[in-house]
């Protein structure tokens, strides 16, 4: 039984190794419909820019971490995610006001943040031998923020008893993605920088799914309620 269980566990971890990068790319691709609608309507409405500037930071940090660790399953999906994040950022800023509370701040502030972070991470990566672990810790913070961001609407969902602002496909993709990376992080890589944020992300995803089941959807969502 123990041998069979070991073989079964190894097979399951192998499947997660394959699924995790694919699911990460799917999660990163979730904002494509939103960008198409922004381009069509030529307005961002009340949507914030922060998720996209944060996504650039998150993907660049994990891309660098993956390269320093020589982990292709980390740097490939995050490289694709970085490309998509830059596309989202450029497309969004074409139609965004220069300054608005919903962004928050100004477009210029977000641009400066992104450029500064990329510059600092790049310098750190090539000048410090222990940079991988340090960058991993920073990446964990951004990863948790990214997965938890939809819960910002938690108060509104409970108050209105309407969960239309929580996109079901994105929520399910997040749960699958975080579950797969948690398994890989624990059983394959034994890397707390991988499994810790994804365990927390899994908790956030399950919370969103429960809210979706409890309150369901209302009317067809407007642009401001589309997935980021």
C-alpha atoms as a PDB file:
ATOM      1  CA  UNK A   1       0.000   0.000   0.000  1.00  0.00           C
ATOM      2  CA  UNK A   2       2.790   2.415   0.885  1.00  0.00           C
ATOM      3  CA  UNK A   3       4.525   1.772  -2.462  1.00  0.00           C
ATOM      4  CA  UNK A   4       1.276   2.273  -4.357  1.00  0.00           C
ATOM      5  CA  UNK A   5       0.574   5.457  -2.413  1.00  0.00           C
ATOM      6  CA  UNK A   6       4.069   6.738  -3.169  1.00  0.00           C
ATOM      7  CA  UNK A   7       3.660   6.036  -6.888  1.00  0.00           C
ATOM      8  CA  UNK A   8       0.227   7.684  -6.851  1.00  0.00           C
ATOM      9  CA  UNK A   9       1.577  10.777  -5.083  1.00  0.00           C
ATOM     10  CA  UNK A  10       4.510  11.025  -7.490  1.00  0.00           C
ATOM     11  CA  UNK A  11       2.138  10.783 -10.449  1.00  0.00           C
ATOM     12  CA  UNK A  12      -0.149  13.452  -8.991  1.00  0.00           C
ATOM     13  CA  UNK A  13       2.789  15.818  -8.371  1.00  0.00           C
ATOM     14  CA  UNK A  14       3.939  15.217 -11.947  1.00  0.00           C
ATOM     15  CA  UNK A  15       0.488  16.186 -13.241  1.00  0.00           C
ATOM     16  CA  UNK A  16       0.545  19.362 -11.121  1.00  0.00           C
ATOM     17  CA  UNK A  17       4.001  20.150 -12.513  1.00  0.00           C
ATOM     18  CA  UNK A  18       2.477  20.148 -15.983  1.00  0.00           C
ATOM     19  CA  UNK A  19      -0.787  21.884 -15.086  1.00  0.00           C
ATOM     20  CA  UNK A  20       0.612  24.683 -12.881  1.00  0.00           C
ATOM     21  CA  UNK A  21       2.427  26.711 -15.600  1.00  0.00           C
ATOM     22  CA  UNK A  22      -0.558  26.347 -17.948  1.00  0.00           C
ATOM     23  CA  UNK A  23      -3.018  27.530 -15.313  1.00  0.00           C
ATOM     24  CA  UNK A  24      -0.759  30.491 -14.478  1.00  0.00           C
ATOM     25  CA  UNK A  25      -0.856  31.582 -18.126  1.00  0.00           C
ATOM     26  CA  UNK A  26      -4.652  31.205 -18.131  1.00  0.00           C
ATOM     27  CA  UNK A  27      -4.921  33.445 -15.051  1.00  0.00           C
ATOM     28  CA  UNK A  28      -2.643  36.049 -16.656  1.00  0.00           C
ATOM     29  CA  UNK A  29      -4.829  35.971 -19.793  1.00  0.00           C
ATOM     30  CA  UNK A  30      -8.059  36.695 -17.898  1.00  0.00           C
ATOM     31  CA  UNK A  31      -7.964  40.444 -18.578  1.00  0.00           C
ATOM     32  CA  UNK A  32      -7.917  40.175 -22.384  1.00  0.00           C
ATOM     33  CA  UNK A  33     -11.745  40.557 -22.693  1.00  0.00           C
ATOM     34  CA  UNK A  34     -11.596  43.633 -20.456  1.00  0.00           C
ATOM     35  CA  UNK A  35      -8.910  45.201 -22.668  1.00  0.00           C
ATOM     36  CA  UNK A  36     -11.002  44.521 -25.767  1.00  0.00           C
ATOM     37  CA  UNK A  37     -13.984  46.251 -24.213  1.00  0.00           C
ATOM     38  CA  UNK A  38     -11.855  49.211 -23.105  1.00  0.00           C
ATOM     39  CA  UNK A  39     -10.495  49.534 -26.639  1.00  0.00           C
ATOM     40  CA  UNK A  40     -14.013  49.306 -28.084  1.00  0.00           C
ATOM     41  CA  UNK A  41     -15.557  51.854 -25.715  1.00  0.00           C
ATOM     42  CA  UNK A  42     -12.402  54.025 -25.528  1.00  0.00           C
ATOM     43  CA  UNK A  43     -12.831  54.509 -21.796  1.00  0.00           C
ATOM     44  CA  UNK A  44     -11.661  52.687 -18.662  1.00  0.00           C
ATOM     45  CA  UNK A  45     -14.682  53.780 -16.650  1.00  0.00           C
ATOM     46  CA  UNK A  46     -13.874  53.448 -12.949  1.00  0.00           C
ATOM     47  CA  UNK A  47     -11.462  50.539 -13.374  1.00  0.00           C
ATOM     48  CA  UNK A  48      -8.147  50.901 -11.507  1.00  0.00           C
ATOM     49  CA  UNK A  49      -4.698  50.799 -13.108  1.00  0.00           C
ATOM     50  CA  UNK A  50      -3.142  49.284  -9.976  1.00  0.00           C
ATOM     51  CA  UNK A  51      -3.817  45.597 -10.867  1.00  0.00           C
ATOM     52  CA  UNK A  52      -1.840  45.975 -14.098  1.00  0.00           C
ATOM     53  CA  UNK A  53       1.130  47.839 -12.643  1.00  0.00           C
ATOM     54  CA  UNK A  54       1.154  45.278  -9.811  1.00  0.00           C
ATOM     55  CA  UNK A  55       0.982  42.453 -12.350  1.00  0.00           C
ATOM     56  CA  UNK A  56       4.070  43.816 -14.131  1.00  0.00           C
ATOM     57  CA  UNK A  57       5.906  43.951 -10.806  1.00  0.00           C
ATOM     58  CA  UNK A  58       4.725  40.473  -9.794  1.00  0.00           C
ATOM     59  CA  UNK A  59       5.623  38.816 -13.102  1.00  0.00           C
ATOM     60  CA  UNK A  60       9.007  40.521 -13.393  1.00  0.00           C
ATOM     61  CA  UNK A  61       9.952  39.485  -9.863  1.00  0.00           C
ATOM     62  CA  UNK A  62       8.943  35.855 -10.458  1.00  0.00           C
ATOM     63  CA  UNK A  63      10.578  35.855 -13.893  1.00  0.00           C
ATOM     64  CA  UNK A  64      13.843  36.977 -12.318  1.00  0.00           C
ATOM     65  CA  UNK A  65      13.444  34.526  -9.425  1.00  0.00           C
ATOM     66  CA  UNK A  66      12.815  31.669 -11.844  1.00  0.00           C
ATOM     67  CA  UNK A  67      15.876  32.546 -13.924  1.00  0.00           C
ATOM     68  CA  UNK A  68      18.104  32.787 -10.840  1.00  0.00           C
ATOM     69  CA  UNK A  69      16.781  29.425  -9.620  1.00  0.00           C
ATOM     70  CA  UNK A  70      16.961  27.917 -13.134  1.00  0.00           C
ATOM     71  CA  UNK A  71      13.322  26.838 -12.835  1.00  0.00           C
ATOM     72  CA  UNK A  72      11.810  26.864 -16.321  1.00  0.00           C
ATOM     73  CA  UNK A  73       8.304  26.189 -14.991  1.00  0.00           C
ATOM     74  CA  UNK A  74       8.513  29.499 -13.098  1.00  0.00           C
ATOM     75  CA  UNK A  75      10.161  31.845 -15.569  1.00  0.00           C
ATOM     76  CA  UNK A  76       8.308  30.743 -18.731  1.00  0.00           C
ATOM     77  CA  UNK A  77       4.720  31.439 -17.539  1.00  0.00           C
ATOM     78  CA  UNK A  78       5.799  34.623 -15.792  1.00  0.00           C
ATOM     79  CA  UNK A  79       7.626  35.768 -18.919  1.00  0.00           C
ATOM     80  CA  UNK A  80       4.358  35.357 -20.822  1.00  0.00           C
ATOM     81  CA  UNK A  81       2.524  37.052 -17.947  1.00  0.00           C
ATOM     82  CA  UNK A  82       4.937  39.994 -18.091  1.00  0.00           C
ATOM     83  CA  UNK A  83       4.299  40.412 -21.820  1.00  0.00           C
ATOM     84  CA  UNK A  84       0.534  40.400 -21.220  1.00  0.00           C
ATOM     85  CA  UNK A  85       0.826  42.769 -18.242  1.00  0.00           C
ATOM     86  CA  UNK A  86       2.760  45.302 -20.319  1.00  0.00           C
ATOM     87  CA  UNK A  87       0.118  45.023 -23.047  1.00  0.00           C
ATOM     88  CA  UNK A  88      -2.659  45.579 -20.481  1.00  0.00           C
ATOM     89  CA  UNK A  89      -0.810  48.563 -19.009  1.00  0.00           C
ATOM     90  CA  UNK A  90      -0.223  50.246 -22.385  1.00  0.00           C
ATOM     91  CA  UNK A  91      -3.766  49.589 -23.602  1.00  0.00           C
ATOM     92  CA  UNK A  92      -5.270  50.840 -20.331  1.00  0.00           C
ATOM     93  CA  UNK A  93      -3.234  54.060 -20.226  1.00  0.00           C
ATOM     94  CA  UNK A  94      -4.335  54.986 -23.759  1.00  0.00           C
ATOM     95  CA  UNK A  95      -7.819  55.731 -22.427  1.00  0.00           C
ATOM     96  CA  UNK A  96      -7.168  56.417 -18.733  1.00  0.00           C
ATOM     97  CA  UNK A  97      -7.338  59.914 -17.204  1.00  0.00           C
ATOM     98  CA  UNK A  98      -3.938  61.276 -16.230  1.00  0.00           C
ATOM     99  CA  UNK A  99      -5.027  61.330 -12.606  1.00  0.00           C
ATOM    100  CA  UNK A 100      -8.017  59.748 -10.839  1.00  0.00           C
ATOM    101  CA  UNK A 101      -8.868  58.357  -7.417  1.00  0.00           C
ATOM    102  CA  UNK A 102      -9.823  55.050  -9.010  1.00  0.00           C
ATOM    103  CA  UNK A 103      -6.356  54.467 -10.520  1.00  0.00           C
ATOM    104  CA  UNK A 104      -5.269  55.325  -7.711  1.00  0.00           C
ATOM    105  CA  UNK A 105      -2.928  58.307  -8.094  1.00  0.00           C
ATOM    106  CA  UNK A 106      -1.674  59.248 -11.538  1.00  0.00           C
ATOM    107  CA  UNK A 107      -0.565  57.331 -14.619  1.00  0.00           C
ATOM    108  CA  UNK A 108       2.884  58.880 -14.260  1.00  0.00           C
ATOM    109  CA  UNK A 109       3.194  57.562 -10.688  1.00  0.00           C
ATOM    110  CA  UNK A 110       2.429  54.037 -11.876  1.00  0.00           C
ATOM    111  CA  UNK A 111       4.931  54.366 -14.723  1.00  0.00           C
ATOM    112  CA  UNK A 112       7.631  55.547 -12.325  1.00  0.00           C
ATOM    113  CA  UNK A 113       6.854  52.692  -9.930  1.00  0.00           C
ATOM    114  CA  UNK A 114       7.147  50.060 -12.668  1.00  0.00           C
ATOM    115  CA  UNK A 115      10.375  51.475 -14.114  1.00  0.00           C
ATOM    116  CA  UNK A 116      11.942  51.892 -10.659  1.00  0.00           C
ATOM    117  CA  UNK A 117      11.074  48.352  -9.579  1.00  0.00           C
ATOM    118  CA  UNK A 118      12.369  46.767 -12.793  1.00  0.00           C
ATOM    119  CA  UNK A 119      15.594  48.777 -12.508  1.00  0.00           C
ATOM    120  CA  UNK A 120      16.159  47.882  -8.839  1.00  0.00           C
ATOM    121  CA  UNK A 121      15.356  44.191  -9.339  1.00  0.00           C
ATOM    122  CA  UNK A 122      17.671  43.972 -12.354  1.00  0.00           C
ATOM    123  CA  UNK A 123      20.555  45.612 -10.501  1.00  0.00           C
ATOM    124  CA  UNK A 124      19.998  43.425  -7.449  1.00  0.00           C
ATOM    125  CA  UNK A 125      19.835  40.262  -9.549  1.00  0.00           C
ATOM    126  CA  UNK A 126      23.246  40.821 -11.169  1.00  0.00           C
ATOM    127  CA  UNK A 127      25.136  42.238  -8.192  1.00  0.00           C
ATOM    128  CA  UNK A 128      24.091  40.123  -5.186  1.00  0.00           C
ATOM    129  CA  UNK A 129      24.745  36.390  -4.818  1.00  0.00           C
ATOM    130  CA  UNK A 130      21.898  35.881  -2.352  1.00  0.00           C
ATOM    131  CA  UNK A 131      19.446  37.940  -4.411  1.00  0.00           C
ATOM    132  CA  UNK A 132      17.188  34.997  -5.332  1.00  0.00           C
ATOM    133  CA  UNK A 133      15.883  34.430  -1.789  1.00  0.00           C
ATOM    134  CA  UNK A 134      15.477  38.158  -1.154  1.00  0.00           C
ATOM    135  CA  UNK A 135      13.605  38.686  -4.431  1.00  0.00           C
ATOM    136  CA  UNK A 136      11.520  35.617  -3.619  1.00  0.00           C
ATOM    137  CA  UNK A 137      10.378  37.229  -0.372  1.00  0.00           C
ATOM    138  CA  UNK A 138       9.393  40.411  -2.202  1.00  0.00           C
ATOM    139  CA  UNK A 139       7.636  38.380  -4.897  1.00  0.00           C
ATOM    140  CA  UNK A 140       5.599  36.586  -2.224  1.00  0.00           C
ATOM    141  CA  UNK A 141       4.188  39.933  -1.068  1.00  0.00           C
ATOM    142  CA  UNK A 142       3.153  40.990  -4.579  1.00  0.00           C
ATOM    143  CA  UNK A 143       1.720  37.545  -5.312  1.00  0.00           C
ATOM    144  CA  UNK A 144      -0.477  37.631  -2.204  1.00  0.00           C
ATOM    145  CA  UNK A 145      -1.687  41.130  -3.083  1.00  0.00           C
ATOM    146  CA  UNK A 146      -2.552  40.005  -6.624  1.00  0.00           C
ATOM    147  CA  UNK A 147      -4.574  36.983  -5.501  1.00  0.00           C
ATOM    148  CA  UNK A 148      -6.323  38.880  -2.707  1.00  0.00           C
ATOM    149  CA  UNK A 149      -7.234  41.954  -4.789  1.00  0.00           C
ATOM    150  CA  UNK A 150     -10.728  40.690  -5.822  1.00  0.00           C
ATOM    151  CA  UNK A 151     -11.623  40.457  -2.128  1.00  0.00           C
ATOM    152  CA  UNK A 152     -11.532  44.259  -2.032  1.00  0.00           C
ATOM    153  CA  UNK A 153     -15.144  43.974  -3.218  1.00  0.00           C
ATOM    154  CA  UNK A 154     -16.036  41.727  -0.266  1.00  0.00           C
ATOM    155  CA  UNK A 155     -17.901  44.430   1.663  1.00  0.00           C
ATOM    156  CA  UNK A 156     -19.955  45.415  -1.400  1.00  0.00           C
ATOM    157  CA  UNK A 157     -20.775  41.786  -2.251  1.00  0.00           C
ATOM    158  CA  UNK A 158     -22.077  41.084   1.258  1.00  0.00           C
ATOM    159  CA  UNK A 159     -23.916  44.395   1.513  1.00  0.00           C
ATOM    160  CA  UNK A 160     -25.665  44.079  -1.863  1.00  0.00           C
ATOM    161  CA  UNK A 161     -25.928  40.277  -1.706  1.00  0.00           C
ATOM    162  CA  UNK A 162     -24.717  40.238  -5.300  1.00  0.00           C
ATOM    163  CA  UNK A 163     -21.487  38.558  -6.408  1.00  0.00           C
ATOM    164  CA  UNK A 164     -21.427  39.714 -10.034  1.00  0.00           C
ATOM    165  CA  UNK A 165     -18.162  41.589  -9.401  1.00  0.00           C
ATOM    166  CA  UNK A 166     -16.430  38.239  -8.712  1.00  0.00           C
ATOM    167  CA  UNK A 167     -15.804  36.613 -12.119  1.00  0.00           C
ATOM    168  CA  UNK A 168     -16.415  32.849 -11.919  1.00  0.00           C
ATOM    169  CA  UNK A 169     -13.932  31.711 -14.646  1.00  0.00           C
ATOM    170  CA  UNK A 170     -11.132  33.761 -13.082  1.00  0.00           C
ATOM    171  CA  UNK A 171     -12.013  32.478  -9.611  1.00  0.00           C
ATOM    172  CA  UNK A 172     -11.959  28.827 -10.721  1.00  0.00           C
ATOM    173  CA  UNK A 173      -8.695  29.379 -12.631  1.00  0.00           C
ATOM    174  CA  UNK A 174      -7.161  30.975  -9.536  1.00  0.00           C
ATOM    175  CA  UNK A 175      -8.186  28.022  -7.345  1.00  0.00           C
ATOM    176  CA  UNK A 176      -6.768  25.461  -9.805  1.00  0.00           C
ATOM    177  CA  UNK A 177      -3.618  27.523 -10.327  1.00  0.00           C
ATOM    178  CA  UNK A 178      -2.928  28.026  -6.611  1.00  0.00           C
ATOM    179  CA  UNK A 179      -3.702  24.403  -5.766  1.00  0.00           C
ATOM    180  CA  UNK A 180      -1.315  23.107  -8.435  1.00  0.00           C
ATOM    181  CA  UNK A 181       1.491  25.476  -7.385  1.00  0.00           C
ATOM    182  CA  UNK A 182       0.948  24.599  -3.713  1.00  0.00           C
ATOM    183  CA  UNK A 183       1.445  20.910  -4.532  1.00  0.00           C
ATOM    184  CA  UNK A 184       4.502  21.649  -6.682  1.00  0.00           C
ATOM    185  CA  UNK A 185       5.966  24.008  -4.080  1.00  0.00           C
ATOM    186  CA  UNK A 186       5.622  21.485  -1.250  1.00  0.00           C
ATOM    187  CA  UNK A 187       6.299  18.107  -2.856  1.00  0.00           C
ATOM    188  CA  UNK A 188       8.552  18.945  -5.812  1.00  0.00           C
ATOM    189  CA  UNK A 189      10.450  22.181  -5.103  1.00  0.00           C
ATOM    190  CA  UNK A 190      10.189  22.329  -1.290  1.00  0.00           C
ATOM    191  CA  UNK A 191      10.206  26.126  -1.669  1.00  0.00           C
ATOM    192  CA  UNK A 192       8.237  28.228   0.830  1.00  0.00           C
ATOM    193  CA  UNK A 193       8.329  31.174  -1.583  1.00  0.00           C
ATOM    194  CA  UNK A 194       6.222  29.068  -3.938  1.00  0.00           C
ATOM    195  CA  UNK A 195       3.768  27.257  -1.694  1.00  0.00           C
ATOM    196  CA  UNK A 196       3.092  29.946   0.950  1.00  0.00           C
ATOM    197  CA  UNK A 197       1.584  32.636  -1.331  1.00  0.00           C
ATOM    198  CA  UNK A 198      -0.286  30.005  -3.308  1.00  0.00           C
ATOM    199  CA  UNK A 199      -1.796  28.491  -0.150  1.00  0.00           C
ATOM    200  CA  UNK A 200      -3.040  31.956   0.782  1.00  0.00           C
ATOM    201  CA  UNK A 201      -4.179  32.541  -2.807  1.00  0.00           C
ATOM    202  CA  UNK A 202      -6.069  29.237  -2.669  1.00  0.00           C
ATOM    203  CA  UNK A 203      -7.839  30.415   0.488  1.00  0.00           C
ATOM    204  CA  UNK A 204      -8.800  33.686  -1.212  1.00  0.00           C
ATOM    205  CA  UNK A 205     -10.058  31.805  -4.272  1.00  0.00           C
ATOM    206  CA  UNK A 206     -12.190  29.434  -2.199  1.00  0.00           C
ATOM    207  CA  UNK A 207     -13.633  32.427  -0.321  1.00  0.00           C
ATOM    208  CA  UNK A 208     -14.589  34.066  -3.628  1.00  0.00           C
ATOM    209  CA  UNK A 209     -16.176  30.832  -4.870  1.00  0.00           C
ATOM    210  CA  UNK A 210     -18.240  30.470  -1.687  1.00  0.00           C
ATOM    211  CA  UNK A 211     -19.473  34.057  -2.074  1.00  0.00           C
ATOM    212  CA  UNK A 212     -20.332  33.308  -5.688  1.00  0.00           C
ATOM    213  CA  UNK A 213     -22.335  30.230  -4.663  1.00  0.00           C
ATOM    214  CA  UNK A 214     -24.113  32.046  -1.813  1.00  0.00           C
ATOM    215  CA  UNK A 215     -25.016  35.290  -3.596  1.00  0.00           C
ATOM    216  CA  UNK A 216     -24.812  34.333  -7.298  1.00  0.00           C
ATOM    217  CA  UNK A 217     -25.020  37.017 -10.015  1.00  0.00           C
ATOM    218  CA  UNK A 218     -27.417  39.859 -10.622  1.00  0.00           C
ATOM    219  CA  UNK A 219     -27.760  41.822 -13.829  1.00  0.00           C
ATOM    220  CA  UNK A 220     -25.160  41.754 -16.595  1.00  0.00           C
ATOM    221  CA  UNK A 221     -22.012  43.463 -15.261  1.00  0.00           C
ATOM    222  CA  UNK A 222     -20.879  46.802 -16.559  1.00  0.00           C
ATOM    223  CA  UNK A 223     -17.314  47.602 -17.548  1.00  0.00           C
ATOM    224  CA  UNK A 224     -16.374  48.564 -13.983  1.00  0.00           C
ATOM    225  CA  UNK A 225     -17.272  45.059 -12.763  1.00  0.00           C
ATOM    226  CA  UNK A 226     -15.420  43.047 -15.387  1.00  0.00           C
ATOM    227  CA  UNK A 227     -12.458  40.933 -14.210  1.00  0.00           C
ATOM    228  CA  UNK A 228      -9.179  42.815 -13.957  1.00  0.00           C
END
